[in-house]
C-alpha atoms as a PDB file:
ATOM      1  CA  UNK A   1     151.110 102.144 107.355  1.00  0.00           C
ATOM      2  CA  UNK A   2     147.972 104.135 106.566  1.00  0.00           C
ATOM      3  CA  UNK A   3     146.798 101.294 104.302  1.00  0.00           C
ATOM      4  CA  UNK A   4     146.942  98.857 107.234  1.00  0.00           C
ATOM      5  CA  UNK A   5     144.898 101.233 109.397  1.00  0.00           C
ATOM      6  CA  UNK A   6     142.313 101.642 106.642  1.00  0.00           C
ATOM      7  CA  UNK A   7     141.991  97.873 106.318  1.00  0.00           C
ATOM      8  CA  UNK A   8     141.617  97.524 110.094  1.00  0.00           C
ATOM      9  CA  UNK A   9     138.927 100.206 110.145  1.00  0.00           C
ATOM     10  CA  UNK A  10     137.034  98.493 107.316  1.00  0.00           C
ATOM     11  CA  UNK A  11     137.220  95.190 109.187  1.00  0.00           C
ATOM     12  CA  UNK A  12     135.878  96.770 112.381  1.00  0.00           C
ATOM     13  CA  UNK A  13     133.014  98.427 110.504  1.00  0.00           C
ATOM     14  CA  UNK A  14     132.182  95.161 108.729  1.00  0.00           C
ATOM     15  CA  UNK A  15     132.186  93.282 112.039  1.00  0.00           C
ATOM     16  CA  UNK A  16     129.911  95.894 113.625  1.00  0.00           C
ATOM     17  CA  UNK A  17     127.516  95.734 110.682  1.00  0.00           C
ATOM     18  CA  UNK A  18     127.481  91.933 110.820  1.00  0.00           C
ATOM     19  CA  UNK A  19     126.328  91.970 114.457  1.00  0.00           C
ATOM     20  CA  UNK A  20     123.153  93.947 113.696  1.00  0.00           C
ATOM     21  CA  UNK A  21     120.278  91.483 113.406  1.00  0.00           C
ATOM     22  CA  UNK A  22     117.733  92.018 110.646  1.00  0.00           C
ATOM     23  CA  UNK A  23     114.103  90.947 110.706  1.00  0.00           C
ATOM     24  CA  UNK A  24     111.759  90.137 107.812  1.00  0.00           C
ATOM     25  CA  UNK A  25     108.863  92.390 106.903  1.00  0.00           C
ATOM     26  CA  UNK A  26     105.546  90.527 106.480  1.00  0.00           C
ATOM     27  CA  UNK A  27     105.298  88.705 103.129  1.00  0.00           C
ATOM     28  CA  UNK A  28     103.613  90.614 100.322  1.00  0.00           C
ATOM     29  CA  UNK A  29     103.811  93.934 102.177  1.00  0.00           C
ATOM     30  CA  UNK A  30     105.241  97.187 100.831  1.00  0.00           C
ATOM     31  CA  UNK A  31     105.856  98.873 104.174  1.00  0.00           C
ATOM     32  CA  UNK A  32     105.659 102.617 104.795  1.00  0.00           C
ATOM     33  CA  UNK A  33     108.726 104.034 106.533  1.00  0.00           C
ATOM     34  CA  UNK A  34     107.888 107.102 108.597  1.00  0.00           C
ATOM     35  CA  UNK A  35     109.923 109.963 110.044  1.00  0.00           C
ATOM     36  CA  UNK A  36     108.806 109.118 113.595  1.00  0.00           C
ATOM     37  CA  UNK A  37     107.029 106.455 115.664  1.00  0.00           C
ATOM     38  CA  UNK A  38     103.464 106.905 114.471  1.00  0.00           C
ATOM     39  CA  UNK A  39     101.044 107.091 111.573  1.00  0.00           C
ATOM     40  CA  UNK A  40     100.895 110.876 111.992  1.00  0.00           C
ATOM     41  CA  UNK A  41     104.538 111.163 110.849  1.00  0.00           C
ATOM     42  CA  UNK A  42     105.521 111.747 107.208  1.00  0.00           C
ATOM     43  CA  UNK A  43     106.182 108.751 104.958  1.00  0.00           C
ATOM     44  CA  UNK A  44     109.844 109.061 103.933  1.00  0.00           C
ATOM     45  CA  UNK A  45     110.010 105.960 101.721  1.00  0.00           C
ATOM     46  CA  UNK A  46     108.334 102.610 101.078  1.00  0.00           C
ATOM     47  CA  UNK A  47     110.133  99.302 101.570  1.00  0.00           C
ATOM     48  CA  UNK A  48     109.666  96.782  98.739  1.00  0.00           C
ATOM     49  CA  UNK A  49     108.142  93.341  99.297  1.00  0.00           C
ATOM     50  CA  UNK A  50     110.610  90.865 100.776  1.00  0.00           C
ATOM     51  CA  UNK A  51     112.548  93.475 102.763  1.00  0.00           C
ATOM     52  CA  UNK A  52     114.505  92.761 105.927  1.00  0.00           C
ATOM     53  CA  UNK A  53     115.128  95.576 108.409  1.00  0.00           C
ATOM     54  CA  UNK A  54     117.628  96.165 111.211  1.00  0.00           C
ATOM     55  CA  UNK A  55     116.208  97.345 114.529  1.00  0.00           C
ATOM     56  CA  UNK A  56     118.537  99.812 116.231  1.00  0.00           C
ATOM     57  CA  UNK A  57     116.062 100.779 118.966  1.00  0.00           C
ATOM     58  CA  UNK A  58     112.299 100.835 119.551  1.00  0.00           C
ATOM     59  CA  UNK A  59     109.797 103.482 120.657  1.00  0.00           C
ATOM     60  CA  UNK A  60     106.178 103.492 121.744  1.00  0.00           C
ATOM     61  CA  UNK A  61     103.878 105.285 119.311  1.00  0.00           C
ATOM     62  CA  UNK A  62     100.601 104.985 117.424  1.00  0.00           C
ATOM     63  CA  UNK A  63      98.860 101.613 117.870  1.00  0.00           C
ATOM     64  CA  UNK A  64      98.768  99.686 114.583  1.00  0.00           C
ATOM     65  CA  UNK A  65      97.192  96.353 113.654  1.00  0.00           C
ATOM     66  CA  UNK A  66      99.124  94.307 111.114  1.00  0.00           C
ATOM     67  CA  UNK A  67      99.923  90.728 110.132  1.00  0.00           C
ATOM     68  CA  UNK A  68     101.757  90.134 113.429  1.00  0.00           C
ATOM     69  CA  UNK A  69      99.075  91.513 115.741  1.00  0.00           C
ATOM     70  CA  UNK A  70      98.336  94.886 117.261  1.00  0.00           C
ATOM     71  CA  UNK A  71     101.280  96.862 118.584  1.00  0.00           C
ATOM     72  CA  UNK A  72     102.221 100.348 119.709  1.00  0.00           C
ATOM     73  CA  UNK A  73     105.925  99.522 119.233  1.00  0.00           C
ATOM     74  CA  UNK A  74     107.778 101.262 116.397  1.00  0.00           C
ATOM     75  CA  UNK A  75     111.130 100.015 115.139  1.00  0.00           C
ATOM     76  CA  UNK A  76     113.922 102.484 114.338  1.00  0.00           C
ATOM     77  CA  UNK A  77     115.510 101.082 111.161  1.00  0.00           C
ATOM     78  CA  UNK A  78     117.755 104.033 110.283  1.00  0.00           C
ATOM     79  CA  UNK A  79     118.360 107.622 111.356  1.00  0.00           C
ATOM     80  CA  UNK A  80     114.899 109.218 111.466  1.00  0.00           C
ATOM     81  CA  UNK A  81     113.176 106.148 109.959  1.00  0.00           C
ATOM     82  CA  UNK A  82     110.543 104.047 111.747  1.00  0.00           C
ATOM     83  CA  UNK A  83     108.242 101.164 110.844  1.00  0.00           C
ATOM     84  CA  UNK A  84     105.401  99.613 112.830  1.00  0.00           C
ATOM     85  CA  UNK A  85     106.490  96.473 114.675  1.00  0.00           C
ATOM     86  CA  UNK A  86     103.120  94.906 113.744  1.00  0.00           C
ATOM     87  CA  UNK A  87     104.581  94.363 110.253  1.00  0.00           C
ATOM     88  CA  UNK A  88     107.992  93.011 111.318  1.00  0.00           C
ATOM     89  CA  UNK A  89     108.536  89.380 112.347  1.00  0.00           C
ATOM     90  CA  UNK A  90     110.610  89.704 115.521  1.00  0.00           C
ATOM     91  CA  UNK A  91     109.343  86.568 117.256  1.00  0.00           C
ATOM     92  CA  UNK A  92     108.045  88.640 120.175  1.00  0.00           C
ATOM     93  CA  UNK A  93     105.043  90.795 121.065  1.00  0.00           C
ATOM     94  CA  UNK A  94     107.323  92.977 123.184  1.00  0.00           C
ATOM     95  CA  UNK A  95     110.512  94.936 122.806  1.00  0.00           C
ATOM     96  CA  UNK A  96     113.463  93.119 121.188  1.00  0.00           C
ATOM     97  CA  UNK A  97     115.819  96.112 121.278  1.00  0.00           C
ATOM     98  CA  UNK A  98     116.500  98.961 123.676  1.00  0.00           C
ATOM     99  CA  UNK A  99     114.165 101.935 123.742  1.00  0.00           C
ATOM    100  CA  UNK A 100     115.200 104.873 121.619  1.00  0.00           C
ATOM    101  CA  UNK A 101     116.646 107.738 123.654  1.00  0.00           C
END
């Protein structure tokens, strides 16, 4: 019985993960991932060229100019990890996800 529950839980987690949309980072860009929504926050890692990122929520922050225009929107891509929306192809100049709480 516990095996069935484990399989059900895995299926639910897989379905939840599948519903999160990812967006491409600008071609040829190694993108800095920061600990908060701005250039004043620490770089926690660098995404390799060709990366796609999920956007869990978005926050206003430092204005950045990138390949997709100038934006003050920062995308939360993981717990405590943000990238400038000016480097992510979302198809919009505005918010595409809820604002981070």
